[in-house]
Amino acid sequence: MDTKLTLSFDEAIIIKAKNFAERNNISLSRMIEHLLSKVVEKPYQSLDDFPISDWVNIVAEGKAIYQTKNLKKTSLKDEFFASKK
């Protein structure tokens, strides 16, 4: 059974995601459902446990370039969540 969900994203991300979904002949809803299923299919205890590279490879439009800072994991997590406010 499908359930409706309202989410808010940056408009530029939505445009890119819609284009990606269209090129891959999938609805945006199903694409997001697929990505979320990958997150919850294993018993990750936090975002720090989730192997980012798995889903980056799924949605990347080319080779992924990893940029790192000399920060602790908790600092990176705090920075990520602060950027979403």
N, C-alpha and C. Protein backbone atom coordinates (compact mmCIF):
# COMPACT_ATOMS: atom_id res chain seq x y z
N MET A 1 0.84 -1.17 0.00
CA MET A 1 0.00 0.00 0.00
C MET A 1 0.89 1.24 0.00
N ASP A 2 0.62 2.16 -0.89
CA ASP A 2 1.38 3.41 -0.94
C ASP A 2 0.81 4.41 0.06
N THR A 3 1.68 5.19 0.63
CA THR A 3 1.31 6.24 1.57
C THR A 3 1.93 7.54 1.09
N LYS A 4 1.16 8.62 1.13
CA LYS A 4 1.68 9.92 0.70
C LYS A 4 2.57 10.51 1.77
N LEU A 5 3.59 11.24 1.31
CA LEU A 5 4.56 11.87 2.18
C LEU A 5 4.95 13.20 1.57
N THR A 6 5.00 14.24 2.37
CA THR A 6 5.42 15.54 1.88
C THR A 6 6.84 15.81 2.34
N LEU A 7 7.72 16.12 1.40
CA LEU A 7 9.12 16.42 1.69
C LEU A 7 9.49 17.77 1.09
N SER A 8 10.48 18.41 1.65
CA SER A 8 10.97 19.69 1.12
C SER A 8 12.44 19.53 0.76
N PHE A 9 12.78 19.94 -0.47
CA PHE A 9 14.15 19.88 -0.96
C PHE A 9 14.47 21.18 -1.66
N ASP A 10 15.74 21.44 -1.83
CA ASP A 10 16.19 22.58 -2.62
C ASP A 10 15.66 22.41 -4.04
N GLU A 11 15.17 23.49 -4.64
CA GLU A 11 14.57 23.41 -5.97
C GLU A 11 15.52 22.86 -7.02
N ALA A 12 16.78 23.25 -6.96
CA ALA A 12 17.76 22.77 -7.94
C ALA A 12 17.93 21.25 -7.84
N ILE A 13 17.89 20.72 -6.62
CA ILE A 13 18.00 19.27 -6.42
C ILE A 13 16.79 18.57 -7.03
N ILE A 14 15.61 19.13 -6.82
CA ILE A 14 14.39 18.54 -7.37
C ILE A 14 14.46 18.48 -8.90
N ILE A 15 14.89 19.55 -9.51
CA ILE A 15 14.99 19.59 -10.98
C ILE A 15 15.95 18.52 -11.47
N LYS A 16 17.11 18.42 -10.84
CA LYS A 16 18.09 17.40 -11.25
C LYS A 16 17.55 15.99 -11.00
N ALA A 17 16.89 15.80 -9.87
CA ALA A 17 16.35 14.47 -9.54
C ALA A 17 15.25 14.08 -10.53
N LYS A 18 14.38 15.01 -10.89
CA LYS A 18 13.33 14.71 -11.87
C LYS A 18 13.93 14.35 -13.22
N ASN A 19 14.95 15.09 -13.63
CA ASN A 19 15.61 14.79 -14.90
C ASN A 19 16.27 13.41 -14.86
N PHE A 20 16.93 13.09 -13.76
CA PHE A 20 17.57 11.78 -13.60
C PHE A 20 16.52 10.68 -13.67
N ALA A 21 15.42 10.86 -12.94
CA ALA A 21 14.37 9.85 -12.93
C ALA A 21 13.78 9.66 -14.33
N GLU A 22 13.54 10.76 -15.02
CA GLU A 22 12.98 10.67 -16.37
C GLU A 22 13.92 9.94 -17.32
N ARG A 23 15.21 10.26 -17.25
CA ARG A 23 16.19 9.58 -18.11
C ARG A 23 16.25 8.08 -17.83
N ASN A 24 15.92 7.69 -16.61
CA ASN A 24 15.97 6.29 -16.22
C ASN A 24 14.60 5.64 -16.18
N ASN A 25 13.61 6.33 -16.75
CA ASN A 25 12.26 5.79 -16.90
C ASN A 25 11.68 5.28 -15.57
N ILE A 26 11.80 6.12 -14.55
CA ILE A 26 11.26 5.80 -13.24
C ILE A 26 10.65 7.07 -12.66
N SER A 27 9.62 6.92 -11.86
CA SER A 27 9.05 8.10 -11.24
C SER A 27 9.95 8.58 -10.12
N LEU A 28 9.86 9.85 -9.80
CA LEU A 28 10.65 10.41 -8.71
C LEU A 28 10.28 9.72 -7.40
N SER A 29 9.02 9.44 -7.21
CA SER A 29 8.58 8.74 -5.99
C SER A 29 9.24 7.38 -5.86
N ARG A 30 9.25 6.61 -6.94
CA ARG A 30 9.85 5.27 -6.89
C ARG A 30 11.36 5.34 -6.70
N MET A 31 11.99 6.36 -7.30
CA MET A 31 13.43 6.50 -7.14
C MET A 31 13.77 6.80 -5.68
N ILE A 32 13.03 7.69 -5.04
CA ILE A 32 13.27 8.02 -3.64
C ILE A 32 12.94 6.82 -2.77
N GLU A 33 11.87 6.09 -3.11
CA GLU A 33 11.54 4.88 -2.36
C GLU A 33 12.69 3.87 -2.43
N HIS A 34 13.27 3.72 -3.61
CA HIS A 34 14.40 2.80 -3.79
C HIS A 34 15.59 3.23 -2.93
N LEU A 35 15.92 4.51 -2.94
CA LEU A 35 17.04 5.00 -2.15
C LEU A 35 16.79 4.81 -0.66
N LEU A 36 15.57 5.09 -0.21
CA LEU A 36 15.25 4.89 1.20
C LEU A 36 15.29 3.42 1.58
N SER A 37 14.87 2.55 0.66
CA SER A 37 14.92 1.12 0.96
C SER A 37 16.35 0.66 1.17
N LYS A 38 17.30 1.27 0.45
CA LYS A 38 18.71 0.92 0.63
C LYS A 38 19.20 1.35 2.01
N VAL A 39 18.70 2.47 2.50
CA VAL A 39 19.11 2.96 3.82
C VAL A 39 18.58 2.04 4.92
N VAL A 40 17.36 1.56 4.79
CA VAL A 40 16.73 0.80 5.88
C VAL A 40 16.86 -0.71 5.74
N GLU A 41 17.48 -1.20 4.67
CA GLU A 41 17.55 -2.65 4.49
C GLU A 41 18.53 -3.33 5.45
N LYS A 42 19.46 -2.59 5.99
CA LYS A 42 20.40 -3.14 6.96
C LYS A 42 20.23 -2.37 8.27
N PRO A 43 20.60 -2.98 9.37
CA PRO A 43 20.36 -2.34 10.67
C PRO A 43 21.39 -1.27 11.05
N TYR A 44 21.45 -0.20 10.26
CA TYR A 44 22.35 0.90 10.60
C TYR A 44 21.82 1.60 11.84
N GLN A 45 22.73 1.94 12.75
CA GLN A 45 22.33 2.60 13.98
C GLN A 45 22.35 4.12 13.85
N SER A 46 23.09 4.63 12.88
CA SER A 46 23.17 6.08 12.68
C SER A 46 23.62 6.36 11.26
N LEU A 47 23.60 7.62 10.87
CA LEU A 47 24.08 8.00 9.55
C LEU A 47 25.58 7.75 9.41
N ASP A 48 26.30 7.79 10.53
CA ASP A 48 27.73 7.52 10.48
C ASP A 48 28.02 6.08 10.05
N ASP A 49 27.09 5.17 10.33
CA ASP A 49 27.27 3.76 9.96
C ASP A 49 26.94 3.50 8.49
N PHE A 50 26.16 4.36 7.88
CA PHE A 50 25.69 4.13 6.52
C PHE A 50 26.82 4.36 5.52
N PRO A 51 27.10 3.37 4.66
CA PRO A 51 28.17 3.52 3.67
C PRO A 51 27.74 4.42 2.53
N ILE A 52 28.07 5.67 2.62
CA ILE A 52 27.63 6.68 1.66
C ILE A 52 27.97 6.27 0.23
N SER A 53 29.11 5.67 0.02
CA SER A 53 29.52 5.34 -1.34
C SER A 53 28.53 4.43 -2.05
N ASP A 54 27.79 3.57 -1.32
CA ASP A 54 26.82 2.69 -1.96
C ASP A 54 25.76 3.49 -2.71
N TRP A 55 25.15 4.46 -2.05
CA TRP A 55 24.08 5.19 -2.73
C TRP A 55 24.62 6.29 -3.62
N VAL A 56 25.82 6.79 -3.37
CA VAL A 56 26.41 7.78 -4.28
C VAL A 56 26.61 7.13 -5.64
N ASN A 57 27.08 5.89 -5.66
CA ASN A 57 27.26 5.19 -6.93
C ASN A 57 25.94 4.97 -7.65
N ILE A 58 24.85 4.84 -6.91
CA ILE A 58 23.54 4.64 -7.53
C ILE A 58 23.08 5.89 -8.27
N VAL A 59 23.29 7.06 -7.68
CA VAL A 59 22.74 8.28 -8.26
C VAL A 59 23.77 9.15 -8.96
N ALA A 60 25.05 8.81 -8.89
CA ALA A 60 26.10 9.65 -9.47
C ALA A 60 25.97 9.70 -10.99
N GLU A 61 26.26 10.87 -11.53
CA GLU A 61 26.25 11.05 -12.98
C GLU A 61 27.69 11.11 -13.49
N GLY A 62 28.54 10.35 -12.92
CA GLY A 62 29.95 10.34 -13.27
C GLY A 62 30.73 9.88 -12.07
N LYS A 63 32.03 9.96 -12.16
CA LYS A 63 32.88 9.51 -11.07
C LYS A 63 32.70 10.42 -9.85
N ALA A 64 32.53 9.81 -8.69
CA ALA A 64 32.37 10.58 -7.46
C ALA A 64 33.71 11.16 -7.04
N ILE A 65 33.69 12.40 -6.60
CA ILE A 65 34.88 13.06 -6.10
C ILE A 65 34.63 13.34 -4.62
N TYR A 66 35.43 12.75 -3.77
CA TYR A 66 35.26 12.90 -2.33
C TYR A 66 36.14 14.03 -1.83
N GLN A 67 35.52 14.99 -1.18
CA GLN A 67 36.24 16.09 -0.59
C GLN A 67 36.13 15.95 0.92
N THR A 68 37.24 15.92 1.57
CA THR A 68 37.20 15.74 3.02
C THR A 68 37.89 16.92 3.70
N LYS A 69 37.49 17.13 4.92
CA LYS A 69 38.11 18.14 5.77
C LYS A 69 38.73 17.40 6.94
N ASN A 70 39.57 18.04 7.65
CA ASN A 70 40.17 17.44 8.83
C ASN A 70 39.26 17.67 10.02
N LEU A 71 38.09 17.05 9.98
CA LEU A 71 37.11 17.17 11.05
C LEU A 71 36.76 15.80 11.58
N LYS A 72 36.29 15.75 12.80
CA LYS A 72 35.81 14.50 13.37
C LYS A 72 34.45 14.19 12.76
N LYS A 73 34.04 12.91 12.82
CA LYS A 73 32.74 12.50 12.26
C LYS A 73 31.59 13.30 12.85
N THR A 74 31.64 13.57 14.14
CA THR A 74 30.54 14.32 14.76
C THR A 74 30.48 15.73 14.21
N SER A 75 31.63 16.32 13.90
CA SER A 75 31.64 17.66 13.31
C SER A 75 31.02 17.63 11.92
N LEU A 76 31.33 16.60 11.14
CA LEU A 76 30.75 16.48 9.81
C LEU A 76 29.24 16.31 9.88
N LYS A 77 28.77 15.48 10.82
CA LYS A 77 27.34 15.28 10.99
C LYS A 77 26.67 16.58 11.40
N ASP A 78 27.25 17.30 12.35
CA ASP A 78 26.69 18.58 12.79
C ASP A 78 26.64 19.58 11.64
N GLU A 79 27.71 19.60 10.83
CA GLU A 79 27.76 20.50 9.67
C GLU A 79 26.66 20.15 8.67
N PHE A 80 26.46 18.84 8.43
CA PHE A 80 25.42 18.40 7.50
C PHE A 80 24.04 18.84 7.97
N PHE A 81 23.72 18.56 9.23
CA PHE A 81 22.39 18.90 9.72
C PHE A 81 22.19 20.41 9.82
N ALA A 82 23.24 21.17 10.13
CA ALA A 82 23.13 22.63 10.18
C ALA A 82 22.85 23.20 8.80
N SER A 83 23.38 22.57 7.75
CA SER A 83 23.16 23.07 6.39
C SER A 83 21.73 22.84 5.92
N LYS A 84 20.98 21.97 6.59
CA LYS A 84 19.62 21.65 6.18
C LYS A 84 18.58 22.51 6.89
N LYS A 85 19.01 23.39 7.78
CA LYS A 85 18.05 24.23 8.53
C LYS A 85 17.61 25.41 7.71
